[in-house]
Amino acid sequence: MNIDYDNELNGRISSRNIPSSPLQPLYDIRSVSTKYTLFHTVDKKEPQNTDYNYNNVFNPGFRAPPNYYFQNIDRESLLRNQFAALQKSDQSVYVPELNSNLYENNMAYKPNTPSYSPTEATTQPLCEKDKDTSLFYNHIRTNYKK
């Protein structure tokens, strides 16, 4: 009984190492030795036209085929709002005319009058006797308190 359960468990674990359908190969751009090969430019494999969909195909690996990413670049650019071109011409920025209604301010504001006179805002000079002349451990906050 335990052996049957162990075999079933091992079968389920080993099935997690195999994709549910053949995946498109992920090419690494590395140099290939062509010294001992004949007709290395001829590809005998027929291309597979199955599209990768992460909802339907189980991939036990860490990296999926790049074709799925390449198909959804426009969707990602739309979500990041990257369709506006970065350019220095006049077409890149819309500047309305000076008599446009964008520059009109219809809000009624009260005039802002200062509640103090500029002479009241003068600072009082510091007393020279309270000033600490030491170079180090000169605590400015405690020395200049009123």
N, C-alpha and C. Protein backbone atom coordinates (compact mmCIF):
# COMPACT_ATOMS: atom_id res chain seq x y z
N MET A 1 0.82 -1.18 0.00
CA MET A 1 0.00 0.00 0.00
C MET A 1 0.87 1.26 0.00
N ASN A 2 1.89 1.30 0.83
CA ASN A 2 2.78 2.46 0.85
C ASN A 2 3.58 2.56 -0.43
N ILE A 3 3.91 1.43 -1.01
CA ILE A 3 4.70 1.44 -2.25
C ILE A 3 3.85 2.01 -3.38
N ASP A 4 2.56 1.65 -3.44
CA ASP A 4 1.68 2.19 -4.47
C ASP A 4 1.52 3.70 -4.32
N TYR A 5 1.36 4.15 -3.07
CA TYR A 5 1.22 5.59 -2.83
C TYR A 5 2.51 6.33 -3.20
N ASP A 6 3.66 5.75 -2.85
CA ASP A 6 4.94 6.37 -3.20
C ASP A 6 5.13 6.44 -4.70
N ASN A 7 4.76 5.39 -5.42
CA ASN A 7 4.88 5.40 -6.87
C ASN A 7 3.95 6.45 -7.50
N GLU A 8 2.75 6.56 -6.97
CA GLU A 8 1.82 7.57 -7.48
C GLU A 8 2.35 8.98 -7.21
N LEU A 9 2.88 9.20 -6.02
CA LEU A 9 3.43 10.50 -5.67
C LEU A 9 4.65 10.83 -6.52
N ASN A 10 5.51 9.85 -6.75
CA ASN A 10 6.68 10.07 -7.61
C ASN A 10 6.26 10.37 -9.04
N GLY A 11 5.22 9.72 -9.52
CA GLY A 11 4.72 10.00 -10.87
C GLY A 11 4.18 11.42 -10.99
N ARG A 12 3.47 11.89 -9.97
CA ARG A 12 2.95 13.25 -10.00
C ARG A 12 4.07 14.28 -9.92
N ILE A 13 5.08 13.99 -9.12
CA ILE A 13 6.21 14.92 -9.01
C ILE A 13 6.99 14.97 -10.31
N SER A 14 7.21 13.82 -10.94
CA SER A 14 7.98 13.81 -12.19
C SER A 14 7.19 14.44 -13.34
N SER A 15 5.86 14.42 -13.26
CA SER A 15 5.08 15.05 -14.33
C SER A 15 5.17 16.57 -14.26
N ARG A 16 5.58 17.12 -13.12
CA ARG A 16 5.75 18.57 -12.99
C ARG A 16 7.02 19.07 -13.66
N ASN A 17 7.89 18.16 -14.11
CA ASN A 17 9.13 18.56 -14.77
C ASN A 17 8.98 18.62 -16.28
N ILE A 18 7.83 18.26 -16.80
CA ILE A 18 7.62 18.20 -18.25
C ILE A 18 6.53 19.20 -18.61
N PRO A 19 6.75 20.07 -19.60
CA PRO A 19 5.70 21.01 -20.00
C PRO A 19 4.50 20.27 -20.59
N SER A 20 3.34 20.89 -20.51
CA SER A 20 2.13 20.24 -21.00
C SER A 20 2.08 20.20 -22.52
N SER A 21 2.80 21.07 -23.20
CA SER A 21 2.89 21.03 -24.66
C SER A 21 4.28 21.53 -25.05
N PRO A 22 4.72 21.24 -26.27
CA PRO A 22 6.06 21.69 -26.66
C PRO A 22 6.15 23.22 -26.69
N LEU A 23 7.20 23.75 -26.09
CA LEU A 23 7.39 25.19 -26.03
C LEU A 23 8.31 25.65 -27.15
N GLN A 24 8.15 26.90 -27.52
CA GLN A 24 9.04 27.49 -28.51
C GLN A 24 10.43 27.60 -27.87
N PRO A 25 11.48 27.29 -28.62
CA PRO A 25 12.81 27.33 -28.01
C PRO A 25 13.23 28.75 -27.66
N LEU A 26 13.93 28.86 -26.56
CA LEU A 26 14.46 30.13 -26.12
C LEU A 26 15.91 30.19 -26.55
N TYR A 27 16.21 31.04 -27.50
CA TYR A 27 17.55 31.08 -28.08
C TYR A 27 18.46 31.98 -27.26
N ASP A 28 19.62 31.47 -26.93
CA ASP A 28 20.68 32.29 -26.37
C ASP A 28 21.62 32.63 -27.50
N ILE A 29 21.98 33.88 -27.60
CA ILE A 29 22.84 34.30 -28.70
C ILE A 29 24.28 34.06 -28.27
N ARG A 30 24.76 32.89 -28.59
CA ARG A 30 26.14 32.52 -28.30
C ARG A 30 26.74 31.96 -29.58
N SER A 31 28.03 32.00 -29.64
CA SER A 31 28.69 31.49 -30.83
C SER A 31 28.57 29.97 -30.89
N VAL A 32 28.50 29.45 -32.11
CA VAL A 32 28.35 28.02 -32.33
C VAL A 32 29.56 27.56 -33.14
N SER A 33 30.12 26.45 -32.72
CA SER A 33 31.25 25.90 -33.44
C SER A 33 30.78 25.34 -34.78
N THR A 34 31.35 25.84 -35.85
CA THR A 34 30.98 25.38 -37.20
C THR A 34 32.14 24.69 -37.90
N LYS A 35 33.17 24.36 -37.16
CA LYS A 35 34.36 23.79 -37.79
C LYS A 35 34.09 22.40 -38.34
N TYR A 36 33.40 21.56 -37.60
CA TYR A 36 33.21 20.17 -38.00
C TYR A 36 31.79 19.89 -38.51
N THR A 37 31.02 20.90 -38.79
CA THR A 37 29.65 20.68 -39.25
C THR A 37 29.56 20.89 -40.75
N LEU A 38 28.65 20.16 -41.36
CA LEU A 38 28.39 20.30 -42.78
C LEU A 38 27.01 20.91 -42.96
N PHE A 39 26.89 21.91 -43.79
CA PHE A 39 25.62 22.57 -44.09
C PHE A 39 24.93 23.06 -42.80
N HIS A 40 25.65 23.80 -42.04
CA HIS A 40 25.09 24.27 -40.77
C HIS A 40 24.03 25.35 -40.97
N THR A 41 23.90 25.88 -42.17
CA THR A 41 22.87 26.90 -42.39
C THR A 41 21.53 26.29 -42.75
N VAL A 42 21.49 25.00 -43.08
CA VAL A 42 20.24 24.35 -43.45
C VAL A 42 19.55 23.87 -42.18
N ASP A 43 18.33 24.29 -41.99
CA ASP A 43 17.56 23.89 -40.81
C ASP A 43 16.60 22.79 -41.22
N LYS A 44 16.77 21.61 -40.66
CA LYS A 44 15.92 20.47 -41.03
C LYS A 44 14.62 20.44 -40.22
N LYS A 45 14.56 21.19 -39.13
CA LYS A 45 13.36 21.16 -38.29
C LYS A 45 12.28 22.04 -38.90
N GLU A 46 11.08 21.55 -38.84
CA GLU A 46 9.95 22.35 -39.30
C GLU A 46 9.53 23.29 -38.17
N PRO A 47 9.23 24.53 -38.49
CA PRO A 47 8.82 25.45 -37.42
C PRO A 47 7.45 25.10 -36.88
N GLN A 48 7.31 25.24 -35.58
CA GLN A 48 6.03 24.97 -34.94
C GLN A 48 5.25 26.27 -34.84
N ASN A 49 3.99 26.22 -35.13
CA ASN A 49 3.16 27.40 -35.14
C ASN A 49 2.26 27.49 -33.91
N THR A 50 2.57 26.78 -32.86
CA THR A 50 1.75 26.85 -31.67
C THR A 50 2.15 28.08 -30.86
N ASP A 51 1.17 28.86 -30.48
CA ASP A 51 1.42 30.06 -29.69
C ASP A 51 1.44 29.70 -28.21
N TYR A 52 2.33 30.34 -27.49
CA TYR A 52 2.43 30.11 -26.05
C TYR A 52 1.40 30.96 -25.34
N ASN A 53 0.61 30.34 -24.49
CA ASN A 53 -0.35 31.04 -23.67
C ASN A 53 -0.17 30.52 -22.25
N TYR A 54 0.17 31.40 -21.34
CA TYR A 54 0.49 30.95 -19.99
C TYR A 54 -0.72 30.39 -19.26
N ASN A 55 -1.94 30.66 -19.73
CA ASN A 55 -3.13 30.09 -19.10
C ASN A 55 -3.35 28.64 -19.50
N ASN A 56 -2.91 28.27 -20.71
CA ASN A 56 -3.19 26.93 -21.21
C ASN A 56 -1.99 25.99 -21.16
N VAL A 57 -0.78 26.53 -21.17
CA VAL A 57 0.42 25.69 -21.25
C VAL A 57 1.16 25.79 -19.94
N PHE A 58 1.45 24.64 -19.34
CA PHE A 58 2.22 24.59 -18.11
C PHE A 58 3.70 24.59 -18.45
N ASN A 59 4.45 25.51 -17.87
CA ASN A 59 5.88 25.61 -18.10
C ASN A 59 6.59 25.41 -16.76
N PRO A 60 7.32 24.31 -16.58
CA PRO A 60 7.99 24.09 -15.30
C PRO A 60 9.28 24.89 -15.17
N GLY A 61 9.74 25.52 -16.24
CA GLY A 61 11.01 26.24 -16.21
C GLY A 61 10.88 27.63 -15.62
N PHE A 62 11.99 28.32 -15.58
CA PHE A 62 12.03 29.66 -15.03
C PHE A 62 11.79 30.73 -16.09
N ARG A 63 12.12 30.43 -17.34
CA ARG A 63 11.99 31.42 -18.40
C ARG A 63 11.04 30.91 -19.47
N ALA A 64 10.08 31.74 -19.82
CA ALA A 64 9.11 31.36 -20.84
C ALA A 64 9.66 31.74 -22.22
N PRO A 65 9.05 31.26 -23.27
CA PRO A 65 9.48 31.67 -24.61
C PRO A 65 9.30 33.18 -24.79
N PRO A 66 10.24 33.84 -25.47
CA PRO A 66 10.16 35.30 -25.58
C PRO A 66 9.08 35.78 -26.53
N ASN A 67 8.53 34.88 -27.34
CA ASN A 67 7.52 35.29 -28.31
C ASN A 67 6.28 35.85 -27.62
N TYR A 68 5.90 35.31 -26.47
CA TYR A 68 4.74 35.80 -25.73
C TYR A 68 4.99 37.23 -25.26
N TYR A 69 6.21 37.52 -24.83
CA TYR A 69 6.55 38.88 -24.41
C TYR A 69 6.53 39.84 -25.59
N PHE A 70 7.06 39.39 -26.72
CA PHE A 70 7.13 40.26 -27.90
C PHE A 70 5.73 40.57 -28.43
N GLN A 71 4.79 39.67 -28.26
CA GLN A 71 3.43 39.91 -28.74
C GLN A 71 2.70 40.94 -27.87
N ASN A 72 3.11 41.09 -26.62
CA ASN A 72 2.39 41.97 -25.70
C ASN A 72 3.13 43.26 -25.39
N ILE A 73 4.10 43.63 -26.22
CA ILE A 73 4.82 44.88 -25.98
C ILE A 73 3.90 46.07 -26.15
N ASP A 74 3.01 46.03 -27.14
CA ASP A 74 2.09 47.15 -27.34
C ASP A 74 1.15 47.32 -26.16
N ARG A 75 0.72 46.23 -25.57
CA ARG A 75 -0.17 46.32 -24.41
C ARG A 75 0.56 46.95 -23.22
N GLU A 76 1.81 46.57 -23.03
CA GLU A 76 2.59 47.14 -21.94
C GLU A 76 2.86 48.63 -22.18
N SER A 77 3.15 48.99 -23.42
CA SER A 77 3.38 50.40 -23.75
C SER A 77 2.10 51.22 -23.55
N LEU A 78 0.96 50.64 -23.86
CA LEU A 78 -0.31 51.33 -23.66
C LEU A 78 -0.56 51.55 -22.17
N LEU A 79 -0.26 50.55 -21.34
CA LEU A 79 -0.46 50.71 -19.90
C LEU A 79 0.49 51.74 -19.30
N ARG A 80 1.68 51.85 -19.85
CA ARG A 80 2.66 52.83 -19.35
C ARG A 80 2.54 54.18 -20.04
N ASN A 81 1.59 54.31 -20.97
CA ASN A 81 1.32 55.55 -21.70
C ASN A 81 2.58 56.03 -22.41
N GLN A 82 3.19 55.16 -23.20
CA GLN A 82 4.43 55.48 -23.88
C GLN A 82 4.25 55.66 -25.38
N PHE A 83 3.07 55.98 -25.84
CA PHE A 83 2.88 56.14 -27.27
C PHE A 83 3.18 57.55 -27.75
N ALA A 84 3.37 58.50 -26.84
CA ALA A 84 3.73 59.85 -27.25
C ALA A 84 5.21 59.87 -27.60
N ALA A 85 5.52 60.41 -28.76
CA ALA A 85 6.90 60.42 -29.23
C ALA A 85 7.72 61.47 -28.49
N LEU A 86 8.95 61.12 -28.18
CA LEU A 86 9.88 62.07 -27.59
C LEU A 86 10.61 62.76 -28.73
N GLN A 87 10.27 63.99 -28.98
CA GLN A 87 10.89 64.72 -30.07
C GLN A 87 10.98 66.19 -29.69
N LYS A 88 11.83 66.91 -30.39
CA LYS A 88 12.05 68.31 -30.09
C LYS A 88 11.34 69.25 -31.06
N SER A 89 10.53 68.73 -31.92
CA SER A 89 9.84 69.57 -32.90
C SER A 89 8.60 70.21 -32.28
N ASP A 90 7.93 71.03 -33.06
CA ASP A 90 6.74 71.72 -32.58
C ASP A 90 5.56 70.77 -32.36
N GLN A 91 5.60 69.62 -32.96
CA GLN A 91 4.49 68.68 -32.85
C GLN A 91 4.44 68.01 -31.49
N SER A 92 5.55 67.98 -30.76
CA SER A 92 5.60 67.22 -29.52
C SER A 92 4.86 67.92 -28.38
N VAL A 93 4.76 69.24 -28.41
CA VAL A 93 4.14 69.99 -27.32
C VAL A 93 3.04 70.87 -27.90
N TYR A 94 1.89 70.84 -27.27
CA TYR A 94 0.78 71.70 -27.69
C TYR A 94 0.79 72.94 -26.81
N VAL A 95 0.97 74.10 -27.41
CA VAL A 95 0.92 75.37 -26.69
C VAL A 95 -0.25 76.15 -27.25
N PRO A 96 -1.25 76.46 -26.43
CA PRO A 96 -2.41 77.20 -26.94
C PRO A 96 -2.05 78.66 -27.20
N GLU A 97 -2.89 79.33 -27.98
CA GLU A 97 -2.67 80.74 -28.29
C GLU A 97 -2.90 81.59 -27.04
N LEU A 98 -2.39 82.82 -27.06
CA LEU A 98 -2.50 83.68 -25.89
C LEU A 98 -3.93 84.12 -25.61
N ASN A 99 -4.76 84.20 -26.62
CA ASN A 99 -6.15 84.60 -26.40
C ASN A 99 -7.06 83.38 -26.20
N SER A 100 -6.50 82.25 -25.90
CA SER A 100 -7.28 81.04 -25.68
C SER A 100 -7.98 81.10 -24.33
N ASN A 101 -9.05 80.34 -24.17
CA ASN A 101 -9.77 80.33 -22.90
C ASN A 101 -9.01 79.55 -21.83
N LEU A 102 -7.92 78.90 -22.17
CA LEU A 102 -7.13 78.22 -21.16
C LEU A 102 -6.40 79.20 -20.25
N TYR A 103 -6.14 80.41 -20.76
CA TYR A 103 -5.44 81.41 -19.97
C TYR A 103 -6.38 82.34 -19.21
N GLU A 104 -7.67 82.25 -19.42
CA GLU A 104 -8.62 83.11 -18.72
C GLU A 104 -8.89 82.55 -17.34
N ASN A 105 -8.88 83.44 -16.36
CA ASN A 105 -9.14 83.04 -14.98
C ASN A 105 -10.45 83.70 -14.56
N ASN A 106 -11.47 82.92 -14.39
CA ASN A 106 -12.79 83.43 -14.04
C ASN A 106 -13.07 83.37 -12.55
N MET A 107 -12.10 83.02 -11.76
CA MET A 107 -12.29 82.93 -10.31
C MET A 107 -12.25 84.33 -9.71
N ALA A 108 -13.11 84.59 -8.73
CA ALA A 108 -13.14 85.88 -8.05
C ALA A 108 -12.27 85.77 -6.80
N TYR A 109 -11.16 86.49 -6.81
CA TYR A 109 -10.25 86.46 -5.67
C TYR A 109 -10.35 87.77 -4.90
N LYS A 110 -10.18 87.69 -3.59
CA LYS A 110 -10.10 88.89 -2.77
C LYS A 110 -8.67 89.43 -2.85
N PRO A 111 -8.51 90.73 -2.84
CA PRO A 111 -7.14 91.26 -2.85
C PRO A 111 -6.43 90.90 -1.56
N ASN A 112 -5.20 90.54 -1.68
CA ASN A 112 -4.41 90.11 -0.54
C ASN A 112 -3.64 91.31 0.00
N THR A 113 -4.04 91.78 1.18
CA THR A 113 -3.33 92.90 1.81
C THR A 113 -2.53 92.35 2.97
N PRO A 114 -1.29 92.76 3.13
CA PRO A 114 -0.50 92.25 4.25
C PRO A 114 -1.01 92.80 5.57
N SER A 115 -1.01 92.00 6.60
CA SER A 115 -1.51 92.40 7.91
C SER A 115 -0.41 92.99 8.78
N TYR A 116 0.78 93.10 8.27
CA TYR A 116 1.88 93.67 9.03
C TYR A 116 2.63 94.66 8.15
N SER A 117 3.34 95.53 8.78
CA SER A 117 4.14 96.48 8.00
C SER A 117 5.55 95.92 7.85
N PRO A 118 6.25 96.28 6.79
CA PRO A 118 7.60 95.74 6.60
C PRO A 118 8.59 96.14 7.68
N THR A 119 8.33 97.22 8.41
CA THR A 119 9.26 97.62 9.46
C THR A 119 9.16 96.72 10.68
N GLU A 120 8.03 96.06 10.88
CA GLU A 120 7.88 95.16 12.02
C GLU A 120 8.64 93.86 11.83
N ALA A 121 8.99 93.54 10.61
CA ALA A 121 9.62 92.26 10.34
C ALA A 121 11.13 92.31 10.43
N THR A 122 11.69 93.37 10.97
CA THR A 122 13.15 93.44 11.09
C THR A 122 13.61 92.52 12.21
N THR A 123 14.81 92.04 12.08
CA THR A 123 15.36 91.13 13.10
C THR A 123 16.17 91.92 14.10
N GLN A 124 16.22 91.45 15.30
CA GLN A 124 17.00 92.09 16.34
C GLN A 124 18.42 91.54 16.31
N PRO A 125 19.43 92.37 16.48
CA PRO A 125 20.81 91.87 16.45
C PRO A 125 21.10 90.99 17.66
N LEU A 126 22.00 90.05 17.48
CA LEU A 126 22.37 89.15 18.56
C LEU A 126 23.33 89.85 19.51
N CYS A 127 23.26 89.50 20.72
CA CYS A 127 24.19 90.06 21.69
C CYS A 127 25.55 89.41 21.51
N GLU A 128 26.57 90.22 21.50
CA GLU A 128 27.91 89.69 21.29
C GLU A 128 28.42 88.95 22.52
N LYS A 129 27.91 89.30 23.70
CA LYS A 129 28.41 88.65 24.91
C LYS A 129 27.90 87.21 25.04
N ASP A 130 26.73 86.89 24.43
CA ASP A 130 26.18 85.54 24.51
C ASP A 130 26.78 84.60 23.48
N LYS A 131 27.54 85.12 22.56
CA LYS A 131 28.09 84.32 21.48
C LYS A 131 29.26 83.49 21.99
N ASP A 132 29.30 82.23 21.62
CA ASP A 132 30.40 81.35 22.01
C ASP A 132 31.46 81.40 20.92
N THR A 133 32.69 81.62 21.28
CA THR A 133 33.76 81.77 20.30
C THR A 133 34.55 80.50 20.08
N SER A 134 34.21 79.43 20.76
CA SER A 134 34.99 78.19 20.59
C SER A 134 34.68 77.59 19.22
N LEU A 135 35.70 76.92 18.67
CA LEU A 135 35.57 76.36 17.33
C LEU A 135 34.75 75.06 17.34
N PHE A 136 35.01 74.19 18.32
CA PHE A 136 34.28 72.93 18.44
C PHE A 136 33.32 73.00 19.61
N TYR A 137 32.32 72.12 19.61
CA TYR A 137 31.28 72.06 20.64
C TYR A 137 30.58 73.41 20.80
N ASN A 138 30.36 74.08 19.71
CA ASN A 138 29.67 75.36 19.70
C ASN A 138 28.21 75.08 19.39
N HIS A 139 27.39 74.98 20.41
CA HIS A 139 25.99 74.63 20.24
C HIS A 139 25.19 75.88 19.92
N ILE A 140 24.84 76.04 18.68
CA ILE A 140 24.22 77.27 18.21
C ILE A 140 22.83 77.44 18.80
N ARG A 141 22.10 76.38 18.96
CA ARG A 141 20.73 76.50 19.46
C ARG A 141 20.70 77.05 20.88
N THR A 142 21.58 76.58 21.71
CA THR A 142 21.55 77.04 23.11
C THR A 142 22.20 78.40 23.27
N ASN A 143 23.14 78.76 22.41
CA ASN A 143 23.84 80.04 22.57
C ASN A 143 23.00 81.21 22.09
N TYR A 144 22.14 81.02 21.13
CA TYR A 144 21.41 82.13 20.56
C TYR A 144 19.96 82.20 21.01
N LYS A 145 19.62 81.55 22.09
CA LYS A 145 18.25 81.67 22.61
C LYS A 145 18.05 83.03 23.23
N LYS A 146 16.83 83.51 23.19
CA LYS A 146 16.53 84.83 23.77
C LYS A 146 16.35 84.72 25.26
